[in-house]
Amino acid sequence: MLSNITADPDLRAGTQVDLGLGLNFYAPEGALQGARLAAEFNLPVYRNLSGPQLETDFSATVGIQAVF
């Protein structure tokens, strides 16, 4: 028996479906030529978790790419 119930791998099951919206901005010319800015925002729309787990309210990702 584990002393920390959240460390039990048998209690980490479940299903979650997220709805995401993402945007990409690309600079094909100019001072920022070849640069790309990407952003994505996700919201859970369905969740069926088993056991004591931390839930996700939302997630956001932002990235920058540059060509040298």
PDB file of N, CA and C in Angstrom:
ATOM      1  N   MET A   1       0.844  -1.188   0.000  1.00  0.00           N
ATOM      2  CA  MET A   1       0.000   0.000   0.000  1.00  0.00           C
ATOM      3  C   MET A   1       0.882   1.241   0.000  1.00  0.00           C
ATOM      4  N   LEU A   2       0.605   2.159  -0.887  1.00  0.00           N
ATOM      5  CA  LEU A   2       1.363   3.400  -0.968  1.00  0.00           C
ATOM      6  C   LEU A   2       0.870   4.377   0.084  1.00  0.00           C
ATOM      7  N   SER A   3       1.815   5.100   0.686  1.00  0.00           N
ATOM      8  CA  SER A   3       1.427   6.085   1.700  1.00  0.00           C
ATOM      9  C   SER A   3       0.825   7.339   1.072  1.00  0.00           C
ATOM     10  N   ASN A   4       1.151   7.588  -0.198  1.00  0.00           N
ATOM     11  CA  ASN A   4       0.619   8.753  -0.907  1.00  0.00           C
ATOM     12  C   ASN A   4      -0.339   8.243  -1.988  1.00  0.00           C
ATOM     13  N   ILE A   5      -1.615   8.428  -1.790  1.00  0.00           N
ATOM     14  CA  ILE A   5      -2.618   7.871  -2.705  1.00  0.00           C
ATOM     15  C   ILE A   5      -2.494   8.444  -4.123  1.00  0.00           C
ATOM     16  N   THR A   6      -1.988   9.675  -4.252  1.00  0.00           N
ATOM     17  CA  THR A   6      -1.852  10.271  -5.586  1.00  0.00           C
ATOM     18  C   THR A   6      -0.671   9.672  -6.361  1.00  0.00           C
ATOM     19  N   ALA A   7       0.189   8.879  -5.696  1.00  0.00           N
ATOM     20  CA  ALA A   7       1.311   8.239  -6.374  1.00  0.00           C
ATOM     21  C   ALA A   7       0.948   6.855  -6.906  1.00  0.00           C
ATOM     22  N   ASP A   8      -0.268   6.391  -6.683  1.00  0.00           N
ATOM     23  CA  ASP A   8      -0.707   5.072  -7.149  1.00  0.00           C
ATOM     24  C   ASP A   8      -1.046   5.138  -8.634  1.00  0.00           C
ATOM     25  N   PRO A   9      -0.271   4.456  -9.497  1.00  0.00           N
ATOM     26  CA  PRO A   9      -0.521   4.531 -10.940  1.00  0.00           C
ATOM     27  C   PRO A   9      -1.870   3.936 -11.359  1.00  0.00           C
ATOM     28  N   ASP A  10      -2.460   3.086 -10.531  1.00  0.00           N
ATOM     29  CA  ASP A  10      -3.766   2.509 -10.858  1.00  0.00           C
ATOM     30  C   ASP A  10      -4.899   3.520 -10.710  1.00  0.00           C
ATOM     31  N   LEU A  11      -4.635   4.662 -10.068  1.00  0.00           N
ATOM     32  CA  LEU A  11      -5.660   5.685  -9.869  1.00  0.00           C
ATOM     33  C   LEU A  11      -5.481   6.870 -10.816  1.00  0.00           C
ATOM     34  N   ARG A  12      -4.712   6.694 -11.867  1.00  0.00           N
ATOM     35  CA  ARG A  12      -4.446   7.783 -12.813  1.00  0.00           C
ATOM     36  C   ARG A  12      -5.077   7.527 -14.172  1.00  0.00           C
ATOM     37  N   ALA A  13      -6.224   6.952 -14.189  1.00  0.00           N
ATOM     38  CA  ALA A  13      -6.896   6.652 -15.453  1.00  0.00           C
ATOM     39  C   ALA A  13      -7.966   7.695 -15.738  1.00  0.00           C
ATOM     40  N   GLY A  14      -8.470   7.660 -16.940  1.00  0.00           N
ATOM     41  CA  GLY A  14      -9.555   8.556 -17.284  1.00  0.00           C
ATOM     42  C   GLY A  14      -9.459   9.044 -18.708  1.00  0.00           C
ATOM     43  N   THR A  15     -10.445   9.859 -19.087  1.00  0.00           N
ATOM     44  CA  THR A  15     -10.523  10.411 -20.430  1.00  0.00           C
ATOM     45  C   THR A  15     -10.791  11.900 -20.334  1.00  0.00           C
ATOM     46  N   GLN A  16     -10.126  12.656 -21.201  1.00  0.00           N
ATOM     47  CA  GLN A  16     -10.384  14.089 -21.291  1.00  0.00           C
ATOM     48  C   GLN A  16     -10.326  14.493 -22.750  1.00  0.00           C
ATOM     49  N   VAL A  17     -11.297  15.296 -23.171  1.00  0.00           N
ATOM     50  CA  VAL A  17     -11.343  15.821 -24.534  1.00  0.00           C
ATOM     51  C   VAL A  17     -11.233  17.342 -24.432  1.00  0.00           C
ATOM     52  N   ASP A  18     -10.293  17.906 -25.189  1.00  0.00           N
ATOM     53  CA  ASP A  18     -10.068  19.348 -25.184  1.00  0.00           C
ATOM     54  C   ASP A  18     -10.515  19.963 -26.502  1.00  0.00           C
ATOM     55  N   LEU A  19     -10.962  21.199 -26.429  1.00  0.00           N
ATOM     56  CA  LEU A  19     -11.272  21.989 -27.611  1.00  0.00           C
ATOM     57  C   LEU A  19     -10.210  23.079 -27.698  1.00  0.00           C
ATOM     58  N   GLY A  20      -9.519  23.141 -28.831  1.00  0.00           N
ATOM     59  CA  GLY A  20      -8.413  24.078 -28.956  1.00  0.00           C
ATOM     60  C   GLY A  20      -8.597  25.062 -30.094  1.00  0.00           C
ATOM     61  N   LEU A  21      -8.010  26.220 -29.912  1.00  0.00           N
ATOM     62  CA  LEU A  21      -7.991  27.256 -30.934  1.00  0.00           C
ATOM     63  C   LEU A  21      -6.555  27.730 -31.058  1.00  0.00           C
ATOM     64  N   GLY A  22      -6.036  27.730 -32.274  1.00  0.00           N
ATOM     65  CA  GLY A  22      -4.655  28.137 -32.484  1.00  0.00           C
ATOM     66  C   GLY A  22      -4.524  29.133 -33.614  1.00  0.00           C
ATOM     67  N   LEU A  23      -3.507  29.969 -33.497  1.00  0.00           N
ATOM     68  CA  LEU A  23      -3.200  30.970 -34.521  1.00  0.00           C
ATOM     69  C   LEU A  23      -1.718  30.917 -34.845  1.00  0.00           C
ATOM     70  N   ASN A  24      -1.395  31.117 -36.140  1.00  0.00           N
ATOM     71  CA  ASN A  24      -0.011  31.205 -36.580  1.00  0.00           C
ATOM     72  C   ASN A  24       0.165  32.490 -37.354  1.00  0.00           C
ATOM     73  N   PHE A  25       1.213  33.203 -37.033  1.00  0.00           N
ATOM     74  CA  PHE A  25       1.558  34.413 -37.770  1.00  0.00           C
ATOM     75  C   PHE A  25       2.937  34.198 -38.372  1.00  0.00           C
ATOM     76  N   TYR A  26       3.064  34.451 -39.675  1.00  0.00           N
ATOM     77  CA  TYR A  26       4.320  34.228 -40.384  1.00  0.00           C
ATOM     78  C   TYR A  26       4.708  35.508 -41.116  1.00  0.00           C
ATOM     79  N   ALA A  27       5.978  35.884 -41.035  1.00  0.00           N
ATOM     80  CA  ALA A  27       6.492  37.078 -41.720  1.00  0.00           C
ATOM     81  C   ALA A  27       7.316  36.623 -42.929  1.00  0.00           C
ATOM     82  N   PRO A  28       6.737  36.654 -44.131  1.00  0.00           N
ATOM     83  CA  PRO A  28       7.464  36.178 -45.310  1.00  0.00           C
ATOM     84  C   PRO A  28       8.510  37.169 -45.813  1.00  0.00           C
ATOM     85  N   GLU A  29       8.438  38.417 -45.362  1.00  0.00           N
ATOM     86  CA  GLU A  29       9.407  39.412 -45.832  1.00  0.00           C
ATOM     87  C   GLU A  29       9.558  40.502 -44.774  1.00  0.00           C
ATOM     88  N   GLY A  30      10.516  41.376 -44.964  1.00  0.00           N
ATOM     89  CA  GLY A  30      10.740  42.479 -44.031  1.00  0.00           C
ATOM     90  C   GLY A  30      11.797  42.147 -42.996  1.00  0.00           C
ATOM     91  N   ALA A  31      11.846  42.953 -41.951  1.00  0.00           N
ATOM     92  CA  ALA A  31      12.860  42.795 -40.910  1.00  0.00           C
ATOM     93  C   ALA A  31      12.722  41.465 -40.162  1.00  0.00           C
ATOM     94  N   LEU A  32      11.521  40.939 -40.064  1.00  0.00           N
ATOM     95  CA  LEU A  32      11.278  39.669 -39.369  1.00  0.00           C
ATOM     96  C   LEU A  32      11.104  38.502 -40.338  1.00  0.00           C
ATOM     97  N   GLN A  33      11.682  38.584 -41.516  1.00  0.00           N
ATOM     98  CA  GLN A  33      11.504  37.554 -42.545  1.00  0.00           C
ATOM     99  C   GLN A  33      11.843  36.170 -41.997  1.00  0.00           C
ATOM    100  N   GLY A  34      10.948  35.231 -42.204  1.00  0.00           N
ATOM    101  CA  GLY A  34      11.136  33.853 -41.768  1.00  0.00           C
ATOM    102  C   GLY A  34      10.703  33.595 -40.335  1.00  0.00           C
ATOM    103  N   ALA A  35      10.307  34.614 -39.603  1.00  0.00           N
ATOM    104  CA  ALA A  35       9.886  34.422 -38.214  1.00  0.00           C
ATOM    105  C   ALA A  35       8.433  33.952 -38.161  1.00  0.00           C
ATOM    106  N   ARG A  36       8.137  33.131 -37.173  1.00  0.00           N
ATOM    107  CA  ARG A  36       6.780  32.609 -36.989  1.00  0.00           C
ATOM    108  C   ARG A  36       6.424  32.689 -35.513  1.00  0.00           C
ATOM    109  N   LEU A  37       5.233  33.179 -35.234  1.00  0.00           N
ATOM    110  CA  LEU A  37       4.694  33.230 -33.880  1.00  0.00           C
ATOM    111  C   LEU A  37       3.441  32.360 -33.865  1.00  0.00           C
ATOM    112  N   ALA A  38       3.385  31.427 -32.928  1.00  0.00           N
ATOM    113  CA  ALA A  38       2.233  30.528 -32.826  1.00  0.00           C
ATOM    114  C   ALA A  38       1.674  30.583 -31.409  1.00  0.00           C
ATOM    115  N   ALA A  39       0.349  30.536 -31.292  1.00  0.00           N
ATOM    116  CA  ALA A  39      -0.317  30.528 -29.986  1.00  0.00           C
ATOM    117  C   ALA A  39      -1.496  29.565 -30.054  1.00  0.00           C
ATOM    118  N   GLU A  40      -1.703  28.828 -28.964  1.00  0.00           N
ATOM    119  CA  GLU A  40      -2.814  27.876 -28.904  1.00  0.00           C
ATOM    120  C   GLU A  40      -3.423  27.927 -27.507  1.00  0.00           C
ATOM    121  N   PHE A  41      -4.742  27.852 -27.447  1.00  0.00           N
ATOM    122  CA  PHE A  41      -5.484  27.875 -26.189  1.00  0.00           C
ATOM    123  C   PHE A  41      -6.435  26.686 -26.188  1.00  0.00           C
ATOM    124  N   ASN A  42      -6.428  25.886 -25.115  1.00  0.00           N
ATOM    125  CA  ASN A  42      -7.257  24.686 -25.017  1.00  0.00           C
ATOM    126  C   ASN A  42      -8.134  24.731 -23.775  1.00  0.00           C
ATOM    127  N   LEU A  43      -9.394  24.320 -23.951  1.00  0.00           N
ATOM    128  CA  LEU A  43     -10.340  24.181 -22.839  1.00  0.00           C
ATOM    129  C   LEU A  43     -10.856  22.749 -22.813  1.00  0.00           C
ATOM    130  N   PRO A  44     -10.919  22.124 -21.636  1.00  0.00           N
ATOM    131  CA  PRO A  44     -11.516  20.793 -21.566  1.00  0.00           C
ATOM    132  C   PRO A  44     -13.035  20.876 -21.737  1.00  0.00           C
ATOM    133  N   VAL A  45     -13.584  20.064 -22.628  1.00  0.00           N
ATOM    134  CA  VAL A  45     -15.035  20.052 -22.854  1.00  0.00           C
ATOM    135  C   VAL A  45     -15.680  18.777 -22.308  1.00  0.00           C
ATOM    136  N   TYR A  46     -14.856  17.750 -22.054  1.00  0.00           N
ATOM    137  CA  TYR A  46     -15.358  16.505 -21.463  1.00  0.00           C
ATOM    138  C   TYR A  46     -14.262  15.932 -20.581  1.00  0.00           C
ATOM    139  N   ARG A  47     -14.644  15.493 -19.385  1.00  0.00           N
ATOM    140  CA  ARG A  47     -13.662  14.925 -18.463  1.00  0.00           C
ATOM    141  C   ARG A  47     -14.321  13.808 -17.672  1.00  0.00           C
ATOM    142  N   ASN A  48     -13.679  12.645 -17.653  1.00  0.00           N
ATOM    143  CA  ASN A  48     -14.127  11.516 -16.845  1.00  0.00           C
ATOM    144  C   ASN A  48     -12.865  10.891 -16.253  1.00  0.00           C
ATOM    145  N   LEU A  49     -12.474  11.357 -15.063  1.00  0.00           N
ATOM    146  CA  LEU A  49     -11.236  10.918 -14.435  1.00  0.00           C
ATOM    147  C   LEU A  49     -11.527   9.896 -13.353  1.00  0.00           C
ATOM    148  N   SER A  50     -10.581   8.980 -13.154  1.00  0.00           N
ATOM    149  CA  SER A  50     -10.701   7.964 -12.112  1.00  0.00           C
ATOM    150  C   SER A  50      -9.675   8.247 -11.025  1.00  0.00           C
ATOM    151  N   GLY A  51     -10.102   8.327  -9.813  1.00  0.00           N
ATOM    152  CA  GLY A  51      -9.178   8.534  -8.709  1.00  0.00           C
ATOM    153  C   GLY A  51      -8.904  10.007  -8.456  1.00  0.00           C
ATOM    154  N   PRO A  52      -8.088  10.267  -7.441  1.00  0.00           N
ATOM    155  CA  PRO A  52      -7.768  11.655  -7.071  1.00  0.00           C
ATOM    156  C   PRO A  52      -6.705  12.223  -8.010  1.00  0.00           C
ATOM    157  N   GLN A  53      -7.095  13.139  -8.869  1.00  0.00           N
ATOM    158  CA  GLN A  53      -6.177  13.739  -9.833  1.00  0.00           C
ATOM    159  C   GLN A  53      -6.384  15.245  -9.860  1.00  0.00           C
ATOM    160  N   LEU A  54      -5.330  15.949 -10.223  1.00  0.00           N
ATOM    161  CA  LEU A  54      -5.464  17.378 -10.441  1.00  0.00           C
ATOM    162  C   LEU A  54      -6.177  17.585 -11.762  1.00  0.00           C
ATOM    163  N   GLU A  55      -7.123  18.480 -11.805  1.00  0.00           N
ATOM    164  CA  GLU A  55      -7.823  18.733 -13.059  1.00  0.00           C
ATOM    165  C   GLU A  55      -7.209  19.929 -13.774  1.00  0.00           C
ATOM    166  N   THR A  56      -7.442  19.994 -15.056  1.00  0.00           N
ATOM    167  CA  THR A  56      -6.928  21.075 -15.888  1.00  0.00           C
ATOM    168  C   THR A  56      -8.072  22.028 -16.203  1.00  0.00           C
ATOM    169  N   ASP A  57      -7.910  23.308 -15.859  1.00  0.00           N
ATOM    170  CA  ASP A  57      -8.921  24.312 -16.185  1.00  0.00           C
ATOM    171  C   ASP A  57      -8.752  24.797 -17.623  1.00  0.00           C
ATOM    172  N   PHE A  58      -7.506  24.973 -18.064  1.00  0.00           N
ATOM    173  CA  PHE A  58      -7.191  25.374 -19.430  1.00  0.00           C
ATOM    174  C   PHE A  58      -5.697  25.175 -19.642  1.00  0.00           C
ATOM    175  N   SER A  59      -5.266  25.247 -20.880  1.00  0.00           N
ATOM    176  CA  SER A  59      -3.835  25.247 -21.175  1.00  0.00           C
ATOM    177  C   SER A  59      -3.581  26.223 -22.319  1.00  0.00           C
ATOM    178  N   ALA A  60      -2.410  26.829 -22.288  1.00  0.00           N
ATOM    179  CA  ALA A  60      -2.020  27.785 -23.320  1.00  0.00           C
ATOM    180  C   ALA A  60      -0.572  27.523 -23.702  1.00  0.00           C
ATOM    181  N   THR A  61      -0.290  27.614 -24.998  1.00  0.00           N
ATOM    182  CA  THR A  61       1.049  27.417 -25.522  1.00  0.00           C
ATOM    183  C   THR A  61       1.374  28.549 -26.474  1.00  0.00           C
ATOM    184  N   VAL A  62       2.566  29.117 -26.321  1.00  0.00           N
ATOM    185  CA  VAL A  62       3.041  30.166 -27.209  1.00  0.00           C
ATOM    186  C   VAL A  62       4.447  29.790 -27.658  1.00  0.00           C
ATOM    187  N   GLY A  63       4.722  29.942 -28.944  1.00  0.00           N
ATOM    188  CA  GLY A  63       6.041  29.618 -29.455  1.00  0.00           C
ATOM    189  C   GLY A  63       6.500  30.600 -30.509  1.00  0.00           C
ATOM    190  N   ILE A  64       7.814  30.757 -30.581  1.00  0.00           N
ATOM    191  CA  ILE A  64       8.428  31.630 -31.591  1.00  0.00           C
ATOM    192  C   ILE A  64       9.485  30.814 -32.326  1.00  0.00           C
ATOM    193  N   GLN A  65       9.474  30.888 -33.638  1.00  0.00           N
ATOM    194  CA  GLN A  65      10.486  30.233 -34.468  1.00  0.00           C
ATOM    195  C   GLN A  65      11.147  31.300 -35.338  1.00  0.00           C
ATOM    196  N   ALA A  66      12.442  31.126 -35.536  1.00  0.00           N
ATOM    197  CA  ALA A  66      13.164  32.054 -36.390  1.00  0.00           C
ATOM    198  C   ALA A  66      14.092  31.263 -37.306  1.00  0.00           C
ATOM    199  N   VAL A  67      14.272  31.736 -38.507  1.00  0.00           N
ATOM    200  CA  VAL A  67      15.164  31.128 -39.482  1.00  0.00           C
ATOM    201  C   VAL A  67      16.429  31.964 -39.555  1.00  0.00           C
ATOM    202  N   PHE A  68      17.572  31.307 -39.454  1.00  0.00           N
ATOM    203  CA  PHE A  68      18.847  32.017 -39.528  1.00  0.00           C
ATOM    204  C   PHE A  68      19.535  31.742 -40.850  1.00  0.00           C
TER     205      PHE A  68
END
